[in-house]
Amino acid sequence: MAYPDNRPEASSKGSAAPDGSRTYLLGGNWKANGTLASAEKIIADFNAAGPIPANAEVVIGAPFIHIPLCLMTLRKDIAIAAQNCSLTGTGAYTGETCASQLKDMGITWVILGHSERREGFGMAGEDSELVAKKTKLALAEGLKVMFCIGEKKEEREAGTTMDVCASQMKPLADILSKEEWANVSIAYEPVWAIGTGLTATPEMAQETHANIRQWVSDNVGADVAAAVRIQYGGSMKGANATGLLSQTDIDGGLIGGASLKMDFFDCINGVPSP
């Protein structure tokens, strides 16, 4: 590593997940938020936040410009994710950051297919085939992937939630081996609940997560379905994390706004004991 590593040591509490059970995955997505000063402040707060449950894995998706700061100063038991990577390797691709560069830098995870990128923001959005290809390339370069799926409000009201989720997962299922799925989590993010303050009830979220797991079982394999972690990504916060994380098929969260505050640790501490 070409830069100083001043990351505080890990601190855990409780018991690890039993053999054969899924470790919870709590991902924070800072999106395009923060200044150098605000990033330094939240890193200092997280470093002083006390132990992390031993049955939880915690990851922060930082903006590219704040990744070096995180890799130098954020506590060692919080891994670092990029929020995107390119479809290319290194070369003449102005403005792109490729998976091999992220891996070389010390990045562990990448978030791909987030609904904001699928929709686009003043530019063309990313379709499911593109997201699947990016995921395949990232895995080949040694990254782990939080693969995002989810429906819009009108699609849920029309009763097509699983049709939408299946259409987003199928291109990935078509090109991944079973072995590659070991390094993929599925982040289910009902688009209507992102940043709106609306949240699916724990029961609503559980129903969709169970349907997603069943789809993976039917289309990839029962063994992959039993092992894959499915995160909930619709406005999880400390106030609702315990109820959501208590559900059988909810294996963590992909957390936006709350991950920019100490409320992120309220989510982490909402993880049930094994």
Protein backbone atom coordinates (compact mmCIF):
# COMPACT_ATOMS: atom_id res chain seq x y z
CA MET A 1 0.00 0.00 0.00
CA ALA A 2 1.57 3.28 -1.11
CA TYR A 3 -0.07 5.45 1.55
CA PRO A 4 0.07 5.27 5.37
CA ASP A 5 -2.31 2.86 7.07
CA ASN A 6 -3.47 4.40 10.34
CA ARG A 7 -6.66 2.39 10.63
CA PRO A 8 -7.73 1.55 14.19
CA GLU A 9 -7.95 -2.12 15.08
CA ALA A 10 -11.17 -4.09 14.87
CA SER A 11 -13.48 -4.41 17.86
CA SER A 12 -16.21 -7.05 17.99
CA LYS A 13 -18.81 -8.32 20.41
CA GLY A 14 -20.98 -11.41 20.66
CA SER A 15 -20.67 -14.61 18.69
CA ALA A 16 -19.94 -15.21 15.03
CA ALA A 17 -22.66 -16.63 12.82
CA PRO A 18 -22.89 -20.41 13.27
CA ASP A 19 -21.50 -22.63 10.54
CA GLY A 20 -23.95 -22.88 7.66
CA SER A 21 -25.78 -19.67 8.50
CA ARG A 22 -25.46 -16.30 6.78
CA THR A 23 -23.43 -13.45 8.27
CA TYR A 24 -25.32 -10.16 8.16
CA LEU A 25 -24.04 -7.60 5.65
CA LEU A 26 -24.52 -3.93 6.51
CA GLY A 27 -23.47 -1.66 3.68
CA GLY A 28 -23.42 2.12 3.87
CA ASN A 29 -23.75 4.11 0.65
CA TRP A 30 -22.52 7.68 1.01
CA LYS A 31 -23.49 8.41 -2.62
CA ALA A 32 -22.14 11.79 -3.86
CA ASN A 33 -22.21 13.35 -0.42
CA GLY A 34 -19.67 14.91 1.87
CA THR A 35 -16.64 17.12 2.03
CA LEU A 36 -13.18 16.18 3.25
CA ALA A 37 -14.04 17.68 6.63
CA SER A 38 -17.38 15.87 6.94
CA ALA A 39 -15.81 12.55 5.88
CA GLU A 40 -13.08 12.97 8.50
CA LYS A 41 -15.75 13.68 11.12
CA ILE A 42 -17.91 10.64 10.40
CA ILE A 43 -14.83 8.40 10.21
CA ALA A 44 -13.77 9.64 13.64
CA ASP A 45 -17.28 9.01 14.97
CA PHE A 46 -17.39 5.48 13.51
CA ASN A 47 -13.94 4.71 14.90
CA ALA A 48 -15.17 5.62 18.39
CA ALA A 49 -18.52 3.86 18.08
CA GLY A 50 -17.61 0.69 19.95
CA PRO A 51 -17.63 -2.95 18.92
CA ILE A 52 -19.40 -4.41 15.91
CA PRO A 53 -21.42 -7.63 16.29
CA ALA A 54 -19.27 -10.62 15.36
CA ASN A 55 -22.07 -11.97 13.14
CA ALA A 56 -22.07 -8.83 10.98
CA GLU A 57 -19.88 -7.67 8.11
CA VAL A 58 -19.80 -3.90 7.63
CA VAL A 59 -18.87 -2.02 4.45
CA ILE A 60 -18.87 1.68 3.53
CA GLY A 61 -19.38 2.73 -0.11
CA ALA A 62 -17.51 6.02 -0.30
CA PRO A 63 -17.22 8.49 -3.19
CA PHE A 64 -14.08 7.81 -5.22
CA ILE A 65 -12.40 10.96 -3.89
CA HIS A 66 -12.83 9.86 -0.25
CA ILE A 67 -11.73 6.25 -0.71
CA PRO A 68 -8.05 6.94 0.08
CA LEU A 69 -9.03 8.70 3.31
CA CYS A 70 -11.14 5.70 4.33
CA LEU A 71 -8.36 3.26 3.45
CA MET A 72 -5.94 5.22 5.61
CA THR A 73 -8.09 6.06 8.64
CA LEU A 74 -11.37 4.10 8.92
CA ARG A 75 -11.38 1.24 11.44
CA LYS A 76 -10.16 -2.09 10.08
CA ASP A 77 -13.44 -3.93 10.68
CA ILE A 78 -15.26 -1.73 8.15
CA ALA A 79 -14.39 -2.65 4.58
CA ILE A 80 -14.42 -0.10 1.78
CA ALA A 81 -16.57 -0.29 -1.36
CA ALA A 82 -16.65 1.74 -4.54
CA GLN A 83 -20.09 2.84 -5.74
CA ASN A 84 -19.43 1.90 -9.36
CA CYS A 85 -16.78 0.56 -11.71
CA SER A 86 -16.38 0.53 -15.46
CA LEU A 87 -17.18 -2.13 -18.02
CA THR A 88 -13.60 -1.92 -19.25
CA GLY A 89 -10.09 -2.78 -18.17
CA THR A 90 -7.37 -0.16 -18.07
CA GLY A 91 -6.78 1.90 -21.19
CA ALA A 92 -8.09 4.86 -23.13
CA TYR A 93 -11.38 5.26 -21.25
CA THR A 94 -11.40 8.84 -20.00
CA GLY A 95 -13.23 9.33 -16.74
CA GLU A 96 -13.63 5.63 -15.96
CA THR A 97 -12.31 3.67 -12.98
CA CYS A 98 -11.88 -0.02 -13.61
CA ALA A 99 -12.23 -2.97 -11.26
CA SER A 100 -8.55 -3.92 -11.39
CA GLN A 101 -7.58 -0.41 -10.24
CA LEU A 102 -10.00 -0.63 -7.32
CA LYS A 103 -8.64 -4.03 -6.30
CA ASP A 104 -5.07 -2.75 -6.60
CA MET A 105 -5.93 0.15 -4.29
CA GLY A 106 -7.24 -2.15 -1.57
CA ILE A 107 -10.97 -1.97 -2.26
CA THR A 108 -12.94 -5.08 -1.31
CA TRP A 109 -16.46 -4.41 -2.61
CA VAL A 110 -18.27 -2.51 -5.34
CA ILE A 111 -21.94 -1.51 -5.51
CA LEU A 112 -23.39 -2.17 -8.97
CA GLY A 113 -26.82 -1.64 -10.50
CA HIS A 114 -28.05 0.88 -7.95
CA SER A 115 -31.45 2.20 -9.00
CA GLU A 116 -30.06 5.72 -9.37
CA ARG A 117 -27.58 4.46 -11.95
CA ARG A 118 -30.17 2.24 -13.65
CA GLU A 119 -32.45 5.27 -13.99
CA GLY A 120 -29.73 7.75 -14.92
CA PHE A 121 -29.44 11.35 -13.77
CA GLY A 122 -29.32 13.58 -16.80
CA MET A 123 -27.76 10.76 -18.82
CA ALA A 124 -28.69 7.33 -20.10
CA GLY A 125 -29.30 4.78 -17.38
CA GLU A 126 -27.62 1.38 -17.13
CA ASP A 127 -29.65 -1.58 -18.37
CA SER A 128 -29.63 -5.00 -16.72
CA GLU A 129 -27.34 -6.58 -19.31
CA LEU A 130 -24.74 -3.86 -18.74
CA VAL A 131 -24.94 -4.25 -14.96
CA ALA A 132 -24.50 -8.02 -15.31
CA LYS A 133 -21.41 -7.58 -17.50
CA LYS A 134 -19.91 -5.11 -15.02
CA THR A 135 -20.56 -7.58 -12.23
CA LYS A 136 -18.89 -10.43 -14.10
CA LEU A 137 -15.81 -8.28 -14.75
CA ALA A 138 -15.61 -7.03 -11.15
CA LEU A 139 -15.77 -10.60 -9.84
CA ALA A 140 -13.07 -11.67 -12.28
CA GLU A 141 -10.82 -8.95 -10.87
CA GLY A 142 -11.35 -10.18 -7.31
CA LEU A 143 -13.96 -7.73 -6.04
CA LYS A 144 -17.15 -8.67 -4.21
CA VAL A 145 -20.36 -7.14 -5.56
CA MET A 146 -23.51 -5.76 -3.99
CA PHE A 147 -25.89 -6.28 -6.92
CA CYS A 148 -28.89 -3.97 -6.68
CA ILE A 149 -32.41 -4.71 -7.89
CA GLY A 150 -35.84 -3.29 -7.14
CA GLU A 151 -39.15 -1.98 -8.41
CA LYS A 152 -40.70 1.47 -8.76
CA LYS A 153 -43.88 2.53 -6.96
CA GLU A 154 -46.12 2.02 -9.98
CA GLU A 155 -44.67 -1.46 -10.53
CA ARG A 156 -45.40 -2.50 -6.95
CA GLU A 157 -48.93 -1.12 -7.23
CA ALA A 158 -49.38 -3.08 -10.47
CA GLY A 159 -48.28 -6.27 -8.73
CA THR A 160 -45.21 -6.75 -10.92
CA THR A 161 -42.48 -6.50 -8.26
CA MET A 162 -41.06 -9.97 -8.89
CA ASP A 163 -41.35 -9.62 -12.66
CA VAL A 164 -39.13 -6.54 -12.41
CA CYS A 165 -36.67 -8.15 -9.99
CA ALA A 166 -36.47 -11.32 -12.09
CA SER A 167 -35.79 -9.30 -15.26
CA GLN A 168 -32.92 -7.55 -13.46
CA MET A 169 -31.43 -10.79 -12.10
CA LYS A 170 -31.78 -13.00 -15.17
CA PRO A 171 -28.88 -11.50 -17.20
CA LEU A 172 -26.63 -12.07 -14.19
CA ALA A 173 -27.82 -15.62 -13.63
CA ASP A 174 -27.16 -16.32 -17.31
CA ILE A 175 -23.45 -15.46 -17.10
CA LEU A 176 -22.28 -16.31 -13.57
CA SER A 177 -21.04 -19.68 -12.41
CA LYS A 178 -22.28 -21.02 -9.09
CA GLU A 179 -18.82 -20.39 -7.66
CA GLU A 180 -18.98 -16.70 -8.59
CA TRP A 181 -22.22 -16.25 -6.66
CA ALA A 182 -20.22 -16.76 -3.44
CA ASN A 183 -18.93 -13.20 -3.87
CA VAL A 184 -22.28 -11.57 -4.71
CA SER A 185 -24.91 -10.16 -2.41
CA ILE A 186 -28.31 -9.06 -3.71
CA ALA A 187 -29.43 -5.64 -2.48
CA TYR A 188 -33.20 -5.35 -2.85
CA GLU A 189 -34.08 -1.67 -2.95
CA PRO A 190 -37.73 -0.77 -3.52
CA VAL A 191 -37.14 2.42 -5.52
CA TRP A 192 -40.22 4.08 -4.04
CA ALA A 193 -38.66 3.84 -0.57
CA ILE A 194 -35.20 5.27 -1.35
CA GLY A 195 -34.70 8.66 0.21
CA THR A 196 -38.46 9.20 0.53
CA GLY A 197 -38.82 8.25 4.17
CA LEU A 198 -41.22 5.50 3.08
CA THR A 199 -40.22 1.98 4.09
CA ALA A 200 -41.68 -1.39 3.30
CA THR A 201 -43.02 -3.00 6.45
CA PRO A 202 -40.83 -5.85 7.70
CA GLU A 203 -43.50 -8.27 6.49
CA MET A 204 -43.64 -6.70 3.00
CA ALA A 205 -39.87 -6.74 2.73
CA GLN A 206 -39.67 -10.34 3.97
CA GLU A 207 -42.20 -11.48 1.38
CA THR A 208 -40.16 -9.97 -1.46
CA HIS A 209 -36.86 -11.25 -0.07
CA ALA A 210 -38.32 -14.76 0.20
CA ASN A 211 -39.54 -14.53 -3.40
CA ILE A 212 -36.09 -13.38 -4.54
CA ARG A 213 -34.46 -16.30 -2.72
CA GLN A 214 -36.93 -18.70 -4.31
CA TRP A 215 -36.15 -17.25 -7.75
CA VAL A 216 -32.43 -17.82 -7.15
CA SER A 217 -33.18 -21.38 -6.04
CA ASP A 218 -35.22 -22.07 -9.17
CA ASN A 219 -32.86 -20.37 -11.62
CA VAL A 220 -29.38 -20.80 -10.13
CA GLY A 221 -29.55 -23.50 -7.49
CA ALA A 222 -30.88 -24.25 -4.02
CA ASP A 223 -27.36 -24.21 -2.59
CA VAL A 224 -26.68 -20.71 -3.93
CA ALA A 225 -30.09 -19.49 -2.71
CA ALA A 226 -29.41 -20.77 0.80
CA ALA A 227 -26.04 -19.00 0.95
CA VAL A 228 -26.62 -15.71 -0.87
CA ARG A 229 -27.18 -12.67 1.32
CA ILE A 230 -30.11 -10.43 0.44
CA GLN A 231 -29.85 -6.90 1.84
CA TYR A 232 -32.77 -4.52 2.24
CA GLY A 233 -32.14 -1.10 0.72
CA GLY A 234 -35.23 1.05 1.23
CA SER A 235 -34.65 3.73 3.89
CA MET A 236 -33.32 1.44 6.60
CA LYS A 237 -32.43 3.41 9.71
CA GLY A 238 -31.91 2.79 13.39
CA ALA A 239 -35.61 3.14 14.13
CA ASN A 240 -36.66 0.28 11.84
CA ALA A 241 -33.51 -1.84 11.49
CA THR A 242 -34.28 -4.29 14.28
CA GLY A 243 -37.70 -5.15 12.84
CA LEU A 244 -36.34 -5.57 9.33
CA LEU A 245 -33.26 -7.56 10.33
CA SER A 246 -35.34 -9.95 12.43
CA GLN A 247 -36.97 -11.33 9.27
CA THR A 248 -35.81 -14.74 8.06
CA ASP A 249 -34.67 -13.70 4.59
CA ILE A 250 -33.35 -10.20 5.32
CA ASP A 251 -29.59 -10.56 5.71
CA GLY A 252 -28.58 -6.93 6.17
CA GLY A 253 -29.06 -3.55 4.61
CA LEU A 254 -27.74 -1.19 1.97
CA ILE A 255 -28.16 2.05 3.85
CA GLY A 256 -28.06 5.54 2.36
CA GLY A 257 -28.79 8.62 4.43
CA ALA A 258 -28.41 6.91 7.80
CA SER A 259 -24.86 5.81 6.88
CA LEU A 260 -23.74 9.44 6.91
CA LYS A 261 -24.63 9.68 10.61
CA MET A 262 -24.13 7.71 13.80
CA ASP A 263 -27.54 6.21 13.09
CA PHE A 264 -25.57 3.75 10.93
CA PHE A 265 -24.31 2.11 14.12
CA ASP A 266 -27.88 1.89 15.40
CA CYS A 267 -28.57 -0.18 12.28
CA ILE A 268 -25.47 -2.31 12.87
CA ASN A 269 -26.45 -2.88 16.48
CA GLY A 270 -29.91 -3.95 15.31
CA VAL A 271 -28.44 -7.21 14.05
CA PRO A 272 -30.01 -10.13 15.97
CA SER A 273 -27.76 -12.27 18.13
CA PRO A 274 -27.03 -15.70 16.63
